[in-house]
Amino acid sequence: MKIRYLLFLLFIQNLLHAQIFTAISDSPFENVRRGDVEFADVDNDGDDDVLIVGMNTGFDHVARLYINEGNAKYTLQDDSVFIGTVAGDISSADVDNDGDIDVLVTGALRTGGVSTNLYMNDGFGNFTKDTKNNFEQITMSSTAFGDMDGDGDPDLIMMGQNQDQESSTSLYFNDGSGVFELRSSTTIVDGSSGGVVFCDVDGDGDLDIILNANLIEKGQKLYFNDGSGNFIRDENSIFESVWEGYIGCEDVDGDGDLDVLLSGILGYPIELYINDGSGKFEVKTEQPFNLPGILSFKFLDFDNDGDQDILFIGGRNGSTSATAALYENNGSGSFEEVTLSGIDPLVNGALDISDVDGDGDMDVMVTGRNQSFVLMTQLYLNSTISTSTKETKELNDKHLVFPNPSGINTLNIIYHAKMNTLAEFSVCDITSKSISVEKKQVHVGDNTISIDISSLKSGQYILNIQEGNFLTNKKFIKL
């Protein structure tokens, strides 16, 4: 009995420490590099669709919009009006306050020009190119939407190289209907080939700006907002001077304020700065980020433990080594590399995160060129599994699968139904390939359901529950 128990524990440990992300095969995504990727629910159906731009294998500059049909099943929107770019950026926001997500795309065109286009959404994922605004055309760019002046609508900052090959940084203020006014700023420097983010670093309720780029004055720039969209440069900023950089803001140490992560070259490649709450920072020493080249990254809580982890991939053309590195946060802002992330190393890369299959954890999409010089666009589903032996739900838990892991021939589900109907309970493997389907009558409220899993081999599985147009997912382990 003791040996069986130890083998059981070893099996659970191996499953729970398998690779974090699983690549989805047979996907419709076009392979690109030197582009960008952006998740957003453009058709308002409750799951995130994805827009991808970049250079394909034929050296064409492409833009592809893929609609999520549910459970991470994507189809290409054939009649998309988006114009393909490289060396650009995608940002999204509801700029005209009509309840749907609009999209801004910048970058270089195949014809040799540069481009900035705003695309307006009709609420169903159908876009038309905006003709009301006259944005500066830029490439080697970074853009961000945010309410700079506190009037409740998303304004815009754009940084990049314009058609005259001059570095530029522009502030555009929204009138609430999606019409933007350019306002000059004597304090914010012009830049390109870097990053710009909005981030309330001093906790006063307005959006400050952090900018890094290929500047005449090299270095990071921090600008404090006075609440009305007027910005004052922080002359005491300690941010390291880097070029070709990326920026991220998250509360990595759980103290309620936003810390800053910077990556780039010509300085320390990756540096984490801890905020004291007033916008004053100090460098977090003894971090493990010993990675080569120019690195794009995203904060994400991949293990659902309540703190922000970090995923790096190889970034712009200056990258010399293909990279993919996942770091787990211990909750206090110290990080340790996760060796089995499952994500392929890339250069010329871009990434974004979303819970594309609705199972409560963050999935990842990346684009770029791998170590074999092959272009790729890859969706990875998060394989993290929440275990449970309880038979009652917490107040904030709508659905429960137990026991998980399961060593018996049935899987029990406490399911909170929205209607009286016949619901479909289907089991898939970790790549979403269907294995079995059972239909069960459910009523409004909590239902206790049991399904047969006797034919399943030991491993990880996904339970999909379809109730009318509503789809939810839970992961479980069969012992």
Protein backbone atom coordinates (compact mmCIF):
# COMPACT_ATOMS: atom_id res chain seq x y z
CA MET A 1 0.00 0.00 0.00
CA LYS A 2 2.80 2.41 0.89
CA ILE A 3 4.55 1.77 -2.45
CA ARG A 4 1.31 2.39 -4.37
CA TYR A 5 0.83 5.65 -2.47
CA LEU A 6 4.37 6.80 -3.30
CA LEU A 7 3.87 5.90 -6.97
CA PHE A 8 0.62 7.86 -6.91
CA LEU A 9 2.39 10.94 -5.52
CA LEU A 10 5.17 10.60 -8.09
CA PHE A 11 2.63 10.37 -10.92
CA ILE A 12 0.82 13.51 -9.74
CA GLN A 13 4.10 15.37 -9.38
CA ASN A 14 5.15 14.45 -12.92
CA LEU A 15 1.82 15.59 -14.36
CA LEU A 16 1.76 18.84 -12.46
CA HIS A 17 5.34 19.62 -13.49
CA ALA A 18 4.98 18.75 -17.17
CA GLN A 19 5.50 21.48 -19.73
CA ILE A 20 3.31 24.50 -19.09
CA PHE A 21 2.17 25.30 -22.64
CA THR A 22 1.02 22.93 -25.38
CA ALA A 23 1.34 23.90 -29.06
CA ILE A 24 -1.90 23.59 -31.02
CA SER A 25 -1.42 21.83 -34.35
CA ASP A 26 -3.47 22.25 -37.54
CA SER A 27 -4.07 25.92 -36.85
CA PRO A 28 -5.12 28.36 -39.62
CA PHE A 29 -2.59 31.06 -38.74
CA GLU A 30 -0.24 32.40 -41.39
CA ASN A 31 3.42 32.27 -40.38
CA VAL A 32 5.03 35.71 -40.03
CA ARG A 33 7.95 37.55 -38.46
CA ARG A 34 8.86 41.21 -37.75
CA GLY A 35 5.24 41.95 -36.89
CA ASP A 36 2.81 42.15 -34.01
CA VAL A 37 -0.10 40.19 -32.57
CA GLU A 38 -3.12 41.53 -30.64
CA PHE A 39 -5.96 39.68 -28.92
CA ALA A 40 -9.33 41.45 -28.66
CA ASP A 41 -13.00 40.41 -28.70
CA VAL A 42 -13.86 42.21 -31.93
CA ASP A 43 -17.22 40.46 -32.52
CA ASN A 44 -18.52 40.84 -28.94
CA ASP A 45 -19.21 37.13 -28.40
CA GLY A 46 -17.24 36.80 -25.17
CA ASP A 47 -13.99 35.27 -26.47
CA ASP A 48 -10.86 36.88 -27.86
CA ASP A 49 -10.18 37.04 -31.58
CA VAL A 50 -6.70 37.84 -32.88
CA LEU A 51 -5.11 40.19 -35.43
CA ILE A 52 -1.66 39.32 -36.77
CA VAL A 53 0.58 41.51 -38.93
CA GLY A 54 4.06 40.87 -40.29
CA MET A 55 6.17 39.49 -43.16
CA ASN A 56 5.24 36.04 -44.46
CA THR A 57 7.40 33.41 -46.17
CA GLY A 58 6.92 35.15 -49.54
CA PHE A 59 8.18 38.46 -48.08
CA ASP A 60 4.70 39.98 -48.42
CA HIS A 61 3.50 42.31 -45.69
CA VAL A 62 0.25 40.80 -44.43
CA ALA A 63 -2.54 41.46 -41.94
CA ARG A 64 -4.79 38.58 -40.92
CA LEU A 65 -7.84 38.72 -38.64
CA TYR A 66 -8.88 35.40 -37.11
CA ILE A 67 -12.24 34.98 -35.37
CA ASN A 68 -12.49 32.76 -32.30
CA GLU A 69 -15.52 30.50 -32.79
CA GLY A 70 -15.21 29.27 -29.19
CA ASN A 71 -12.80 26.93 -27.41
CA ALA A 72 -9.83 28.42 -29.29
CA LYS A 73 -11.11 27.34 -32.71
CA TYR A 74 -10.11 30.13 -35.10
CA THR A 75 -11.21 30.92 -38.66
CA LEU A 76 -9.75 33.50 -41.03
CA GLN A 77 -11.96 36.48 -41.85
CA ASP A 78 -11.55 36.52 -45.62
CA ASP A 79 -12.85 40.04 -46.30
CA SER A 80 -10.68 41.89 -43.79
CA VAL A 81 -9.72 45.46 -44.77
CA PHE A 82 -6.54 45.56 -42.68
CA ILE A 83 -3.37 46.60 -44.55
CA GLY A 84 -0.26 44.50 -43.94
CA THR A 85 2.77 46.07 -42.26
CA VAL A 86 6.10 45.12 -40.70
CA ALA A 87 8.18 46.80 -37.99
CA GLY A 88 5.03 48.28 -36.54
CA ASP A 89 2.54 47.95 -33.71
CA ILE A 90 -1.12 47.10 -33.03
CA SER A 91 -3.20 48.79 -30.33
CA SER A 92 -6.93 48.43 -29.67
CA ALA A 93 -9.59 50.38 -27.78
CA ASP A 94 -13.21 51.52 -28.11
CA VAL A 95 -12.28 54.94 -29.45
CA ASP A 96 -15.80 56.06 -30.45
CA ASN A 97 -17.60 54.81 -27.32
CA ASP A 98 -20.02 52.55 -29.22
CA GLY A 99 -19.33 49.40 -27.20
CA ASP A 100 -16.92 47.59 -29.54
CA ILE A 101 -13.16 47.40 -30.04
CA ASP A 102 -11.49 49.51 -32.74
CA VAL A 103 -7.92 48.89 -33.92
CA LEU A 104 -4.87 51.02 -34.79
CA VAL A 105 -2.09 49.52 -36.95
CA THR A 106 1.26 51.14 -37.77
CA GLY A 107 4.31 49.99 -39.71
CA ALA A 108 6.16 49.78 -43.03
CA LEU A 109 4.39 48.86 -46.27
CA ARG A 110 5.57 46.40 -48.92
CA THR A 111 5.58 49.30 -51.42
CA GLY A 112 8.22 51.13 -49.38
CA GLY A 113 6.05 53.69 -47.58
CA VAL A 114 4.94 53.83 -43.95
CA SER A 115 1.46 53.62 -42.56
CA THR A 116 -0.81 54.52 -39.64
CA ASN A 117 -4.43 53.38 -39.99
CA LEU A 118 -7.34 53.38 -37.56
CA TYR A 119 -10.02 50.75 -38.28
CA MET A 120 -13.55 51.23 -36.94
CA ASN A 121 -15.61 48.23 -35.82
CA ASP A 122 -19.35 47.81 -36.52
CA GLY A 123 -19.75 45.65 -33.41
CA PHE A 124 -19.66 42.34 -35.26
CA GLY A 125 -15.97 42.27 -36.18
CA ASN A 126 -16.42 44.00 -39.53
CA PHE A 127 -14.05 46.94 -39.97
CA THR A 128 -13.83 50.01 -42.16
CA LYS A 129 -10.81 52.29 -42.48
CA ASP A 130 -11.27 55.57 -40.62
CA THR A 131 -11.24 58.76 -42.73
CA LYS A 132 -11.85 61.35 -39.99
CA ASN A 133 -8.32 61.47 -38.60
CA ASN A 134 -4.97 62.48 -40.04
CA PHE A 135 -2.39 60.61 -37.97
CA GLU A 136 1.31 60.85 -38.69
CA GLN A 137 2.46 57.85 -40.71
CA ILE A 138 5.12 55.90 -38.78
CA THR A 139 7.09 52.67 -38.64
CA MET A 140 9.63 51.23 -36.13
CA SER A 141 6.80 52.19 -33.82
CA SER A 142 5.11 51.78 -30.48
CA THR A 143 1.57 52.99 -29.71
CA ALA A 144 -0.74 52.96 -26.71
CA PHE A 145 -4.30 54.04 -25.91
CA GLY A 146 -5.08 55.60 -22.53
CA ASP A 147 -7.16 58.37 -20.98
CA MET A 148 -4.50 61.05 -20.62
CA ASP A 149 -6.82 63.94 -19.70
CA GLY A 150 -9.30 62.14 -17.44
CA ASP A 151 -12.38 62.75 -19.58
CA GLY A 152 -13.32 59.08 -19.88
CA ASP A 153 -12.27 58.28 -23.44
CA PRO A 154 -9.07 56.67 -24.79
CA ASP A 155 -6.43 59.09 -26.06
CA LEU A 156 -3.37 57.99 -28.02
CA ILE A 157 0.41 58.24 -27.88
CA MET A 158 2.45 57.20 -30.92
CA MET A 159 6.21 56.95 -31.24
CA GLY A 160 8.15 55.94 -34.35
CA GLN A 161 10.00 56.93 -37.49
CA ASN A 162 7.94 59.01 -39.92
CA GLN A 163 7.95 59.11 -43.71
CA ASP A 164 10.90 61.53 -43.63
CA GLN A 165 12.87 59.00 -41.53
CA GLU A 166 12.70 61.32 -38.55
CA SER A 167 11.96 60.14 -35.02
CA SER A 168 8.60 61.33 -33.73
CA THR A 169 6.45 61.16 -30.60
CA SER A 170 2.87 62.45 -30.85
CA LEU A 171 0.01 62.90 -28.37
CA TYR A 172 -3.53 62.71 -29.77
CA PHE A 173 -6.54 63.63 -27.61
CA ASN A 174 -9.93 62.03 -28.28
CA ASP A 175 -13.11 64.14 -28.31
CA GLY A 176 -15.14 61.07 -27.29
CA SER A 177 -16.39 60.20 -30.76
CA GLY A 178 -13.14 58.80 -32.14
CA VAL A 179 -11.91 62.10 -33.57
CA PHE A 180 -8.39 62.91 -32.35
CA GLU A 181 -6.63 66.25 -31.96
CA LEU A 182 -2.83 66.45 -32.11
CA ARG A 183 -1.37 68.49 -29.25
CA SER A 184 2.23 69.53 -29.18
CA SER A 185 4.41 68.79 -26.18
CA THR A 186 7.68 70.53 -25.44
CA THR A 187 8.64 68.02 -22.75
CA ILE A 188 8.25 64.60 -24.39
CA VAL A 189 11.19 63.65 -26.58
CA ASP A 190 10.91 62.21 -30.09
CA GLY A 191 11.91 58.58 -30.54
CA SER A 192 11.57 55.38 -32.55
CA SER A 193 12.49 51.68 -32.35
CA GLY A 194 11.46 51.39 -28.75
CA GLY A 195 8.47 51.18 -26.45
CA VAL A 196 5.96 53.49 -24.81
CA VAL A 197 3.42 52.66 -22.09
CA PHE A 198 0.89 54.41 -19.89
CA CYS A 199 1.43 53.60 -16.22
CA ASP A 200 0.20 55.36 -13.05
CA VAL A 201 3.53 55.09 -11.27
CA ASP A 202 2.79 57.65 -8.53
CA GLY A 203 -0.67 56.35 -7.64
CA ASP A 204 -2.46 59.68 -8.11
CA GLY A 205 -5.14 58.31 -10.44
CA ASP A 206 -3.85 59.55 -13.78
CA LEU A 207 -1.72 57.92 -16.47
CA ASP A 208 1.97 58.75 -16.55
CA ILE A 209 4.20 57.87 -19.53
CA ILE A 210 7.35 55.76 -19.74
CA LEU A 211 9.21 55.92 -23.04
CA ASN A 212 12.39 54.31 -24.31
CA ALA A 213 13.77 54.44 -27.82
CA ASN A 214 16.65 55.27 -30.12
CA LEU A 215 16.91 58.83 -28.90
CA ILE A 216 19.31 61.67 -29.51
CA GLU A 217 19.32 61.77 -25.73
CA LYS A 218 19.77 58.07 -25.00
CA GLY A 219 17.80 56.61 -22.15
CA GLN A 220 14.45 55.94 -20.59
CA LYS A 221 12.10 58.84 -20.03
CA LEU A 222 9.50 59.03 -17.27
CA TYR A 223 6.84 61.74 -17.49
CA PHE A 224 4.38 62.57 -14.71
CA ASN A 225 0.82 63.56 -15.67
CA ASP A 226 -0.78 66.54 -13.93
CA GLY A 227 -4.21 64.95 -14.44
CA SER A 228 -5.13 67.03 -17.48
CA GLY A 229 -2.77 65.47 -20.00
CA ASN A 230 0.14 67.81 -19.36
CA PHE A 231 3.38 65.95 -18.73
CA ILE A 232 6.46 66.84 -16.69
CA ARG A 233 9.71 64.95 -17.17
CA ASP A 234 11.17 63.26 -14.10
CA GLU A 235 14.72 64.56 -14.04
CA ASN A 236 15.66 62.12 -11.27
CA SER A 237 14.67 58.93 -13.08
CA ILE A 238 17.18 56.11 -12.57
CA PHE A 239 16.01 54.02 -15.52
CA GLU A 240 18.98 52.58 -17.39
CA SER A 241 19.86 53.83 -20.88
CA VAL A 242 18.90 51.20 -23.46
CA TRP A 243 17.95 51.15 -27.12
CA GLU A 244 15.53 48.95 -29.06
CA GLY A 245 13.67 48.49 -25.82
CA TYR A 246 10.45 47.03 -24.48
CA ILE A 247 8.60 48.25 -21.36
CA GLY A 248 6.10 46.65 -19.00
CA CYS A 249 4.34 47.83 -15.82
CA GLU A 250 2.95 45.45 -13.21
CA ASP A 251 2.86 45.09 -9.43
CA VAL A 252 5.41 42.29 -9.18
CA ASP A 253 5.95 42.44 -5.41
CA GLY A 254 2.32 42.68 -4.32
CA ASP A 255 2.59 46.02 -2.50
CA GLY A 256 -0.14 47.79 -4.48
CA ASP A 257 1.96 49.95 -6.81
CA LEU A 258 3.25 49.46 -10.34
CA ASP A 259 6.82 48.32 -10.88
CA VAL A 260 8.67 48.53 -14.21
CA LEU A 261 10.54 46.00 -16.34
CA LEU A 262 12.81 47.22 -19.16
CA SER A 263 14.68 45.32 -21.85
CA GLY A 264 16.97 46.49 -24.64
CA ILE A 265 20.61 46.91 -25.66
CA LEU A 266 23.48 49.33 -24.99
CA GLY A 267 22.98 49.05 -21.28
CA TYR A 268 21.81 46.31 -18.96
CA PRO A 269 19.64 44.18 -21.27
CA ILE A 270 16.90 43.48 -18.68
CA GLU A 271 16.30 45.49 -15.55
CA LEU A 272 13.51 45.33 -12.95
CA TYR A 273 12.70 48.51 -11.04
CA ILE A 274 10.70 48.42 -7.79
CA ASN A 275 8.36 51.34 -7.04
CA ASP A 276 8.08 52.83 -3.56
CA GLY A 277 4.51 53.97 -4.37
CA SER A 278 5.37 57.58 -5.19
CA GLY A 279 7.01 56.96 -8.55
CA LYS A 280 10.51 56.63 -7.14
CA PHE A 281 12.29 53.42 -8.15
CA GLU A 282 15.23 51.30 -7.15
CA VAL A 283 16.80 48.45 -9.11
CA LYS A 284 15.88 44.95 -8.00
CA THR A 285 19.25 43.23 -7.76
CA GLU A 286 20.13 39.55 -8.17
CA GLN A 287 17.54 38.75 -10.82
CA PRO A 288 18.07 35.69 -13.09
CA PHE A 289 17.35 37.38 -16.43
CA ASN A 290 20.61 36.46 -18.16
CA LEU A 291 19.25 36.39 -21.71
CA PRO A 292 20.79 37.42 -25.05
CA GLY A 293 19.65 39.99 -27.58
CA ILE A 294 16.59 42.21 -27.76
CA LEU A 295 13.67 40.63 -25.93
CA SER A 296 9.95 41.14 -26.18
CA PHE A 297 8.00 40.14 -23.09
CA LYS A 298 4.61 39.96 -21.41
CA PHE A 299 3.58 39.76 -17.79
CA LEU A 300 1.17 36.89 -17.15
CA ASP A 301 0.03 34.82 -14.18
CA PHE A 302 0.55 31.48 -15.93
CA ASP A 303 0.09 29.40 -12.77
CA ASN A 304 -2.91 31.30 -11.34
CA ASP A 305 -1.24 31.91 -7.99
CA GLY A 306 -2.09 35.62 -7.91
CA ASP A 307 1.26 37.14 -8.88
CA GLN A 308 2.71 38.26 -12.20
CA ASP A 309 5.18 35.96 -13.96
CA ILE A 310 7.13 36.92 -17.14
CA LEU A 311 7.50 35.36 -20.59
CA PHE A 312 10.35 36.55 -22.87
CA ILE A 313 10.88 35.81 -26.56
CA GLY A 314 13.46 37.13 -29.04
CA GLY A 315 12.40 40.56 -30.28
CA ARG A 316 13.36 42.83 -33.14
CA ASN A 317 16.01 42.35 -35.84
CA GLY A 318 18.86 43.11 -33.46
CA SER A 319 18.30 39.79 -31.68
CA THR A 320 21.20 37.43 -32.20
CA SER A 321 19.80 34.33 -30.50
CA ALA A 322 16.43 32.60 -30.60
CA THR A 323 14.90 32.87 -27.13
CA ALA A 324 11.88 31.72 -25.15
CA ALA A 325 12.13 31.98 -21.37
CA LEU A 326 9.41 31.77 -18.72
CA TYR A 327 10.06 33.06 -15.20
CA GLU A 328 7.89 32.32 -12.17
CA ASN A 329 7.34 35.00 -9.53
CA ASN A 330 7.60 33.91 -5.89
CA GLY A 331 5.11 36.65 -4.94
CA SER A 332 7.64 39.18 -3.70
CA GLY A 333 9.18 40.14 -7.06
CA SER A 334 11.92 37.50 -7.16
CA PHE A 335 11.89 35.22 -10.20
CA GLU A 336 13.03 31.70 -11.08
CA GLU A 337 13.20 30.27 -14.59
CA VAL A 338 10.70 27.54 -15.50
CA THR A 339 12.60 25.02 -17.60
CA LEU A 340 9.62 23.27 -19.23
CA SER A 341 7.63 26.15 -20.71
CA GLY A 342 6.93 24.30 -23.97
CA ILE A 343 7.37 27.45 -26.09
CA ASP A 344 9.78 27.37 -29.03
CA PRO A 345 12.67 29.88 -29.02
CA LEU A 346 12.26 32.71 -31.56
CA VAL A 347 13.80 35.84 -33.02
CA ASN A 348 12.02 38.72 -34.83
CA GLY A 349 9.21 37.81 -32.46
CA ALA A 350 6.01 39.21 -31.04
CA LEU A 351 3.57 37.80 -28.50
CA ASP A 352 0.27 38.40 -26.75
CA ILE A 353 -1.72 36.58 -24.08
CA SER A 354 -5.39 35.75 -23.55
CA ASP A 355 -7.59 33.02 -22.12
CA VAL A 356 -8.63 31.92 -25.61
CA ASP A 357 -10.33 28.67 -24.54
CA GLY A 358 -12.17 30.10 -21.55
CA ASP A 359 -10.72 27.69 -18.99
CA GLY A 360 -9.50 30.36 -16.59
CA ASP A 361 -5.78 30.51 -17.41
CA MET A 362 -3.63 32.55 -19.77
CA ASP A 363 -2.74 31.14 -23.18
CA VAL A 364 -0.05 32.54 -25.49
CA MET A 365 0.35 33.34 -29.17
CA VAL A 366 3.78 34.05 -30.66
CA THR A 367 5.09 34.97 -34.10
CA GLY A 368 8.68 35.01 -35.35
CA ARG A 369 11.49 32.88 -36.78
CA ASN A 370 12.69 29.77 -34.97
CA GLN A 371 16.18 28.29 -34.58
CA SER A 372 15.82 26.46 -37.92
CA PHE A 373 15.12 29.77 -39.70
CA VAL A 374 11.48 28.76 -40.19
CA LEU A 375 8.75 31.38 -39.79
CA MET A 376 6.01 30.48 -37.36
CA THR A 377 2.79 31.73 -35.83
CA GLN A 378 1.91 29.45 -32.95
CA LEU A 379 -0.90 29.32 -30.42
CA TYR A 380 -0.03 27.64 -27.12
CA LEU A 381 -2.70 26.55 -24.66
CA ASN A 382 -1.90 26.67 -20.96
CA SER A 383 -1.73 23.15 -19.54
CA THR A 384 -1.78 24.22 -15.88
CA ILE A 385 -4.31 22.17 -13.92
CA SER A 386 -6.08 23.14 -10.71
CA THR A 387 -6.50 20.10 -8.47
CA SER A 388 -9.49 19.53 -6.17
CA THR A 389 -10.87 16.91 -3.82
CA LYS A 390 -13.70 19.09 -2.45
CA GLU A 391 -17.36 18.46 -3.25
CA THR A 392 -18.70 21.96 -2.53
CA LYS A 393 -18.07 25.14 -4.46
CA GLU A 394 -16.70 28.40 -3.13
CA LEU A 395 -18.93 31.44 -3.67
CA ASN A 396 -16.81 32.71 -6.58
CA ASP A 397 -16.47 29.30 -8.25
CA LYS A 398 -19.29 28.74 -10.79
CA HIS A 399 -18.23 25.21 -11.79
CA LEU A 400 -16.28 22.45 -10.04
CA VAL A 401 -14.69 19.22 -11.27
CA PHE A 402 -13.83 16.56 -8.66
CA PRO A 403 -11.98 14.49 -7.75
CA ASN A 404 -9.14 16.07 -9.67
CA PRO A 405 -6.92 14.11 -10.23
CA SER A 406 -9.39 11.25 -10.64
CA GLY A 407 -8.45 7.61 -10.01
CA ILE A 408 -11.98 6.32 -10.54
CA ASN A 409 -14.08 5.69 -13.65
CA THR A 410 -16.32 8.70 -13.25
CA LEU A 411 -15.72 12.44 -13.15
CA ASN A 412 -18.09 14.53 -11.07
CA ILE A 413 -19.08 18.06 -12.04
CA ILE A 414 -21.00 20.68 -10.08
CA TYR A 415 -22.23 22.86 -12.92
CA HIS A 416 -24.10 26.16 -12.60
CA ALA A 417 -26.50 26.31 -15.56
CA LYS A 418 -27.98 29.47 -17.01
CA MET A 419 -31.14 27.76 -18.35
CA ASN A 420 -33.17 24.56 -18.35
CA THR A 421 -31.75 22.68 -21.31
CA LEU A 422 -29.82 19.67 -22.59
CA ALA A 423 -26.11 20.46 -22.06
CA GLU A 424 -23.22 18.74 -23.83
CA PHE A 425 -20.27 17.45 -21.80
CA SER A 426 -17.34 16.55 -24.07
CA VAL A 427 -13.86 15.34 -23.18
CA CYS A 428 -10.87 16.38 -25.32
CA ASP A 429 -7.16 15.77 -25.13
CA ILE A 430 -4.83 18.65 -24.34
CA THR A 431 -4.72 19.65 -28.04
CA SER A 432 -8.56 19.94 -28.06
CA LYS A 433 -9.11 16.74 -30.07
CA SER A 434 -12.52 15.31 -29.14
CA ILE A 435 -12.59 11.92 -27.38
CA SER A 436 -16.12 11.48 -25.98
CA VAL A 437 -19.44 13.34 -25.75
CA GLU A 438 -22.33 12.95 -23.30
CA LYS A 439 -25.54 15.01 -23.16
CA LYS A 440 -27.15 15.69 -19.78
CA GLN A 441 -30.32 17.50 -18.72
CA VAL A 442 -29.55 20.56 -16.59
CA HIS A 443 -31.74 23.10 -14.82
CA VAL A 444 -31.13 26.71 -13.84
CA GLY A 445 -28.68 26.83 -10.95
CA ASP A 446 -26.30 24.19 -9.61
CA ASN A 447 -26.39 20.68 -11.08
CA THR A 448 -24.36 17.63 -10.00
CA ILE A 449 -23.34 15.63 -13.08
CA SER A 450 -21.24 12.47 -13.48
CA ILE A 451 -19.62 11.41 -16.74
CA ASP A 452 -17.88 8.18 -17.69
CA ILE A 453 -14.07 8.40 -18.04
CA SER A 454 -13.30 4.69 -17.75
CA SER A 455 -11.91 4.52 -21.30
CA LEU A 456 -9.38 7.31 -20.76
CA LYS A 457 -5.70 6.56 -20.39
CA SER A 458 -3.66 8.27 -17.69
CA GLY A 459 -2.94 11.89 -18.63
CA GLN A 460 -4.30 15.41 -18.90
CA TYR A 461 -7.69 16.22 -20.43
CA ILE A 462 -10.08 19.11 -21.04
CA LEU A 463 -13.79 18.94 -20.19
CA ASN A 464 -15.89 21.20 -22.44
CA ILE A 465 -19.43 22.06 -21.35
CA GLN A 466 -21.75 23.51 -24.01
CA GLU A 467 -25.04 25.01 -22.83
CA GLY A 468 -26.80 26.76 -25.72
CA ASN A 469 -24.34 29.40 -26.93
CA PHE A 470 -22.43 29.31 -23.65
CA LEU A 471 -19.17 27.32 -23.55
CA THR A 472 -16.93 26.72 -20.53
CA ASN A 473 -13.92 24.49 -19.89
CA LYS A 474 -12.23 22.69 -17.04
CA LYS A 475 -8.98 20.71 -17.05
CA PHE A 476 -8.54 17.45 -15.17
CA ILE A 477 -6.10 14.56 -14.69
CA LYS A 478 -6.97 10.88 -15.15
CA LEU A 479 -4.73 8.63 -13.04
